[in-house]
C-alpha atoms as a PDB file:
ATOM      1  CA  UNK A   1      -5.762 -10.744-145.670  1.00  0.00           C
ATOM      2  CA  UNK A   2      -3.483 -13.670-144.430  1.00  0.00           C
ATOM      3  CA  UNK A   3       0.018 -13.866-143.816  1.00  0.00           C
ATOM      4  CA  UNK A   4       0.426 -16.890-146.209  1.00  0.00           C
ATOM      5  CA  UNK A   5       2.884 -15.921-149.053  1.00  0.00           C
ATOM      6  CA  UNK A   6       3.629 -18.073-152.092  1.00  0.00           C
ATOM      7  CA  UNK A   7       6.875 -19.874-152.047  1.00  0.00           C
ATOM      8  CA  UNK A   8       9.670 -17.670-153.289  1.00  0.00           C
ATOM      9  CA  UNK A   9      11.261 -18.998-156.630  1.00  0.00           C
ATOM     10  CA  UNK A  10      14.754 -20.657-155.617  1.00  0.00           C
ATOM     11  CA  UNK A  11      17.840 -18.812-156.886  1.00  0.00           C
ATOM     12  CA  UNK A  12      20.451 -20.634-158.489  1.00  0.00           C
ATOM     13  CA  UNK A  13      22.756 -22.579-156.422  1.00  0.00           C
ATOM     14  CA  UNK A  14      26.062 -21.757-157.636  1.00  0.00           C
ATOM     15  CA  UNK A  15      28.549 -19.379-155.343  1.00  0.00           C
ATOM     16  CA  UNK A  16      32.103 -18.538-155.682  1.00  0.00           C
ATOM     17  CA  UNK A  17      34.369 -19.792-152.998  1.00  0.00           C
ATOM     18  CA  UNK A  18      34.555 -16.337-151.181  1.00  0.00           C
ATOM     19  CA  UNK A  19      30.782 -16.112-150.880  1.00  0.00           C
ATOM     20  CA  UNK A  20      30.830 -19.635-149.511  1.00  0.00           C
ATOM     21  CA  UNK A  21      33.624 -18.667-146.861  1.00  0.00           C
ATOM     22  CA  UNK A  22      31.568 -15.323-145.968  1.00  0.00           C
ATOM     23  CA  UNK A  23      28.282 -17.524-145.689  1.00  0.00           C
ATOM     24  CA  UNK A  24      30.242 -20.009-143.279  1.00  0.00           C
ATOM     25  CA  UNK A  25      31.770 -17.179-141.462  1.00  0.00           C
ATOM     26  CA  UNK A  26      28.025 -15.696-140.563  1.00  0.00           C
ATOM     27  CA  UNK A  27      26.843 -19.075-139.530  1.00  0.00           C
ATOM     28  CA  UNK A  28      29.874 -19.923-137.406  1.00  0.00           C
ATOM     29  CA  UNK A  29      29.539 -15.898-135.935  1.00  0.00           C
ATOM     30  CA  UNK A  30      25.857 -16.671-135.097  1.00  0.00           C
ATOM     31  CA  UNK A  31      25.833 -19.957-133.766  1.00  0.00           C
ATOM     32  CA  UNK A  32      29.158 -20.038-131.701  1.00  0.00           C
ATOM     33  CA  UNK A  33      29.268 -16.261-130.540  1.00  0.00           C
ATOM     34  CA  UNK A  34      25.836 -14.504-130.685  1.00  0.00           C
ATOM     35  CA  UNK A  35      23.628 -17.138-129.662  1.00  0.00           C
ATOM     36  CA  UNK A  36      25.427 -18.192-126.740  1.00  0.00           C
ATOM     37  CA  UNK A  37      25.751 -14.433-125.504  1.00  0.00           C
ATOM     38  CA  UNK A  38      21.867 -13.899-126.302  1.00  0.00           C
ATOM     39  CA  UNK A  39      21.012 -17.121-124.345  1.00  0.00           C
ATOM     40  CA  UNK A  40      23.017 -15.942-121.393  1.00  0.00           C
ATOM     41  CA  UNK A  41      21.242 -12.534-121.471  1.00  0.00           C
ATOM     42  CA  UNK A  42      17.979 -14.402-121.319  1.00  0.00           C
ATOM     43  CA  UNK A  43      18.733 -16.677-119.002  1.00  0.00           C
ATOM     44  CA  UNK A  44      19.871 -13.647-116.256  1.00  0.00           C
ATOM     45  CA  UNK A  45      16.487 -11.835-117.351  1.00  0.00           C
ATOM     46  CA  UNK A  46      14.389 -15.023-116.512  1.00  0.00           C
ATOM     47  CA  UNK A  47      15.772 -15.189-113.116  1.00  0.00           C
ATOM     48  CA  UNK A  48      14.550 -11.694-112.358  1.00  0.00           C
ATOM     49  CA  UNK A  49      10.941 -12.938-112.055  1.00  0.00           C
ATOM     50  CA  UNK A  50       7.850 -11.113-114.215  1.00  0.00           C
ATOM     51  CA  UNK A  51       8.810 -11.967-117.589  1.00  0.00           C
ATOM     52  CA  UNK A  52       5.945 -10.182-119.195  1.00  0.00           C
ATOM     53  CA  UNK A  53       7.496  -6.748-118.509  1.00  0.00           C
ATOM     54  CA  UNK A  54      11.112  -7.630-118.845  1.00  0.00           C
ATOM     55  CA  UNK A  55      12.613  -5.845-121.903  1.00  0.00           C
ATOM     56  CA  UNK A  56      15.702  -7.947-121.874  1.00  0.00           C
ATOM     57  CA  UNK A  57      13.832 -11.298-121.645  1.00  0.00           C
ATOM     58  CA  UNK A  58      11.429 -10.305-124.366  1.00  0.00           C
ATOM     59  CA  UNK A  59      13.981  -8.675-126.720  1.00  0.00           C
ATOM     60  CA  UNK A  60      16.281 -11.511-126.225  1.00  0.00           C
ATOM     61  CA  UNK A  61      13.769 -14.285-127.000  1.00  0.00           C
ATOM     62  CA  UNK A  62      13.028 -12.282-130.005  1.00  0.00           C
ATOM     63  CA  UNK A  63      16.516 -12.039-130.972  1.00  0.00           C
ATOM     64  CA  UNK A  64      17.212 -15.835-130.455  1.00  0.00           C
ATOM     65  CA  UNK A  65      14.206 -16.678-132.822  1.00  0.00           C
ATOM     66  CA  UNK A  66      15.914 -14.313-135.539  1.00  0.00           C
ATOM     67  CA  UNK A  67      19.411 -15.995-135.005  1.00  0.00           C
ATOM     68  CA  UNK A  68      17.749 -19.553-135.074  1.00  0.00           C
ATOM     69  CA  UNK A  69      15.891 -18.601-138.177  1.00  0.00           C
ATOM     70  CA  UNK A  70      18.904 -17.504-139.873  1.00  0.00           C
ATOM     71  CA  UNK A  71      20.934 -20.348-138.692  1.00  0.00           C
ATOM     72  CA  UNK A  72      18.469 -22.694-140.068  1.00  0.00           C
ATOM     73  CA  UNK A  73      18.565 -20.863-143.522  1.00  0.00           C
ATOM     74  CA  UNK A  74      22.230 -20.573-143.778  1.00  0.00           C
ATOM     75  CA  UNK A  75      22.472 -24.293-142.876  1.00  0.00           C
ATOM     76  CA  UNK A  76      20.245 -25.472-145.436  1.00  0.00           C
ATOM     77  CA  UNK A  77      21.426 -23.061-148.106  1.00  0.00           C
ATOM     78  CA  UNK A  78      24.795 -24.366-147.611  1.00  0.00           C
ATOM     79  CA  UNK A  79      24.222 -27.861-148.241  1.00  0.00           C
ATOM     80  CA  UNK A  80      22.399 -27.356-151.408  1.00  0.00           C
ATOM     81  CA  UNK A  81      25.050 -24.676-152.953  1.00  0.00           C
ATOM     82  CA  UNK A  82      27.588 -25.622-155.474  1.00  0.00           C
ATOM     83  CA  UNK A  83      31.116 -23.983-154.917  1.00  0.00           C
ATOM     84  CA  UNK A  84      32.638 -23.218-158.469  1.00  0.00           C
ATOM     85  CA  UNK A  85      36.106 -22.970-157.701  1.00  0.00           C
ATOM     86  CA  UNK A  86      37.836 -23.453-161.182  1.00  0.00           C
ATOM     87  CA  UNK A  87      38.068 -21.305-163.892  1.00  0.00           C
ATOM     88  CA  UNK A  88      36.259 -22.221-167.484  1.00  0.00           C
ATOM     89  CA  UNK A  89      38.542 -23.655-170.294  1.00  0.00           C
ATOM     90  CA  UNK A  90      36.908 -21.217-172.828  1.00  0.00           C
ATOM     91  CA  UNK A  91      37.758 -17.727-171.484  1.00  0.00           C
ATOM     92  CA  UNK A  92      36.434 -16.080-174.336  1.00  0.00           C
ATOM     93  CA  UNK A  93      32.983 -16.369-173.220  1.00  0.00           C
ATOM     94  CA  UNK A  94      31.031 -15.156-170.139  1.00  0.00           C
ATOM     95  CA  UNK A  95      30.272 -17.710-167.606  1.00  0.00           C
ATOM     96  CA  UNK A  96      29.836 -17.722-163.820  1.00  0.00           C
ATOM     97  CA  UNK A  97      32.569 -15.712-162.143  1.00  0.00           C
ATOM     98  CA  UNK A  98      33.703 -13.717-165.157  1.00  0.00           C
ATOM     99  CA  UNK A  99      34.613 -10.045-164.660  1.00  0.00           C
ATOM    100  CA  UNK A 100      32.682  -8.449-167.655  1.00  0.00           C
ATOM    101  CA  UNK A 101      32.985  -4.735-168.740  1.00  0.00           C
ATOM    102  CA  UNK A 102      30.100  -3.259-170.499  1.00  0.00           C
ATOM    103  CA  UNK A 103      30.231  -0.019-172.492  1.00  0.00           C
ATOM    104  CA  UNK A 104      26.735   1.698-172.981  1.00  0.00           C
ATOM    105  CA  UNK A 105      26.071   4.208-176.199  1.00  0.00           C
ATOM    106  CA  UNK A 106      27.266   7.085-174.061  1.00  0.00           C
ATOM    107  CA  UNK A 107      30.827   5.672-173.572  1.00  0.00           C
ATOM    108  CA  UNK A 108      30.104   4.777-169.640  1.00  0.00           C
ATOM    109  CA  UNK A 109      31.843   1.506-168.622  1.00  0.00           C
ATOM    110  CA  UNK A 110      30.746  -0.787-165.737  1.00  0.00           C
ATOM    111  CA  UNK A 111      32.573  -3.752-164.607  1.00  0.00           C
ATOM    112  CA  UNK A 112      30.737  -6.591-163.023  1.00  0.00           C
ATOM    113  CA  UNK A 113      31.661  -9.877-161.675  1.00  0.00           C
ATOM    114  CA  UNK A 114      28.818 -12.645-162.288  1.00  0.00           C
ATOM    115  CA  UNK A 115      28.127 -14.211-159.019  1.00  0.00           C
ATOM    116  CA  UNK A 116      25.486 -16.413-157.213  1.00  0.00           C
ATOM    117  CA  UNK A 117      22.060 -14.653-155.907  1.00  0.00           C
ATOM    118  CA  UNK A 118      23.490 -15.095-152.271  1.00  0.00           C
ATOM    119  CA  UNK A 119      26.204 -12.963-152.854  1.00  0.00           C
ATOM    120  CA  UNK A 120      25.191 -10.387-155.148  1.00  0.00           C
ATOM    121  CA  UNK A 121      26.175  -6.610-154.263  1.00  0.00           C
ATOM    122  CA  UNK A 122      25.679  -4.339-157.250  1.00  0.00           C
ATOM    123  CA  UNK A 123      27.231  -1.485-155.256  1.00  0.00           C
ATOM    124  CA  UNK A 124      30.535  -3.516-155.474  1.00  0.00           C
ATOM    125  CA  UNK A 125      29.898  -4.831-158.822  1.00  0.00           C
ATOM    126  CA  UNK A 126      28.800  -8.164-157.895  1.00  0.00           C
ATOM    127  CA  UNK A 127      25.866  -8.982-160.288  1.00  0.00           C
ATOM    128  CA  UNK A 128      23.491 -11.859-159.636  1.00  0.00           C
ATOM    129  CA  UNK A 129      23.569 -14.551-162.223  1.00  0.00           C
ATOM    130  CA  UNK A 130      19.734 -14.528-161.783  1.00  0.00           C
ATOM    131  CA  UNK A 131      19.308 -10.830-162.898  1.00  0.00           C
ATOM    132  CA  UNK A 132      18.220  -9.696-166.085  1.00  0.00           C
ATOM    133  CA  UNK A 133      21.485  -8.267-167.296  1.00  0.00           C
ATOM    134  CA  UNK A 134      23.570 -11.416-166.201  1.00  0.00           C
ATOM    135  CA  UNK A 135      21.122 -13.334-168.059  1.00  0.00           C
ATOM    136  CA  UNK A 136      21.972 -11.479-171.113  1.00  0.00           C
ATOM    137  CA  UNK A 137      25.588 -11.557-170.576  1.00  0.00           C
ATOM    138  CA  UNK A 138      26.022 -15.252-169.784  1.00  0.00           C
ATOM    139  CA  UNK A 139      27.291 -17.172-173.114  1.00  0.00           C
ATOM    140  CA  UNK A 140      28.182 -13.915-174.772  1.00  0.00           C
ATOM    141  CA  UNK A 141      31.588 -13.188-176.207  1.00  0.00           C
ATOM    142  CA  UNK A 142      33.785 -10.063-176.291  1.00  0.00           C
ATOM    143  CA  UNK A 143      32.313  -7.167-178.733  1.00  0.00           C
ATOM    144  CA  UNK A 144      28.986  -8.638-178.543  1.00  0.00           C
ATOM    145  CA  UNK A 145      26.130  -6.414-177.968  1.00  0.00           C
ATOM    146  CA  UNK A 146      23.200  -7.123-175.690  1.00  0.00           C
ATOM    147  CA  UNK A 147      20.146  -5.037-175.468  1.00  0.00           C
ATOM    148  CA  UNK A 148      18.854  -4.388-171.959  1.00  0.00           C
ATOM    149  CA  UNK A 149      15.125  -3.316-171.757  1.00  0.00           C
ATOM    150  CA  UNK A 150      13.806  -1.940-168.719  1.00  0.00           C
ATOM    151  CA  UNK A 151      10.399   0.071-168.174  1.00  0.00           C
ATOM    152  CA  UNK A 152      12.146   3.473-168.705  1.00  0.00           C
ATOM    153  CA  UNK A 153      14.252   2.728-171.520  1.00  0.00           C
ATOM    154  CA  UNK A 154      16.153   0.344-173.949  1.00  0.00           C
ATOM    155  CA  UNK A 155      19.796   0.361-173.470  1.00  0.00           C
ATOM    156  CA  UNK A 156      22.361  -1.096-175.931  1.00  0.00           C
ATOM    157  CA  UNK A 157      25.677  -2.496-174.256  1.00  0.00           C
ATOM    158  CA  UNK A 158      28.874  -3.723-175.727  1.00  0.00           C
ATOM    159  CA  UNK A 159      30.843  -6.313-173.942  1.00  0.00           C
ATOM    160  CA  UNK A 160      34.519  -4.446-173.946  1.00  0.00           C
ATOM    161  CA  UNK A 161      36.361  -6.927-171.751  1.00  0.00           C
ATOM    162  CA  UNK A 162      35.997 -10.465-170.190  1.00  0.00           C
ATOM    163  CA  UNK A 163      38.252 -11.653-167.293  1.00  0.00           C
ATOM    164  CA  UNK A 164      38.633 -14.515-165.210  1.00  0.00           C
ATOM    165  CA  UNK A 165      40.304 -14.146-161.766  1.00  0.00           C
ATOM    166  CA  UNK A 166      41.790 -17.213-160.066  1.00  0.00           C
ATOM    167  CA  UNK A 167      40.046 -18.269-157.035  1.00  0.00           C
ATOM    168  CA  UNK A 168      42.053 -18.241-153.884  1.00  0.00           C
END
């Protein structure tokens, strides 16, 4: 079996201003802080002679490849992303950036913010707009019902609250 993998389907190209700022901060941290430090470590390790058994040199070069790969990814991704920094005119529907509270049949409520695939974090209530649940929620109104089918069960969810918070 070879190492070839089919290309992944590209995610949506929308991101919140906070998500874009986090990605830009990571890019700056990697390029301006970490990379020069690792380069210095590799430079010092290279002066020690035999590189084949020099752990600092080997692991430093590996870390440089990881940093360069991540920097390339972030640079390309930031170029193709669209920052959504305004609240939609129709606030009665679920759009990108909305905070949506859903209630299941047991009365349990969960609040999610619909965000781009680069910033989702389900533990913090950030739901990727490419996820099955977000796809069901987008375009719905208050008190609408969505049916989420998973391999284990079918769950009925009701939209109990839609809110848009201003972007800062």
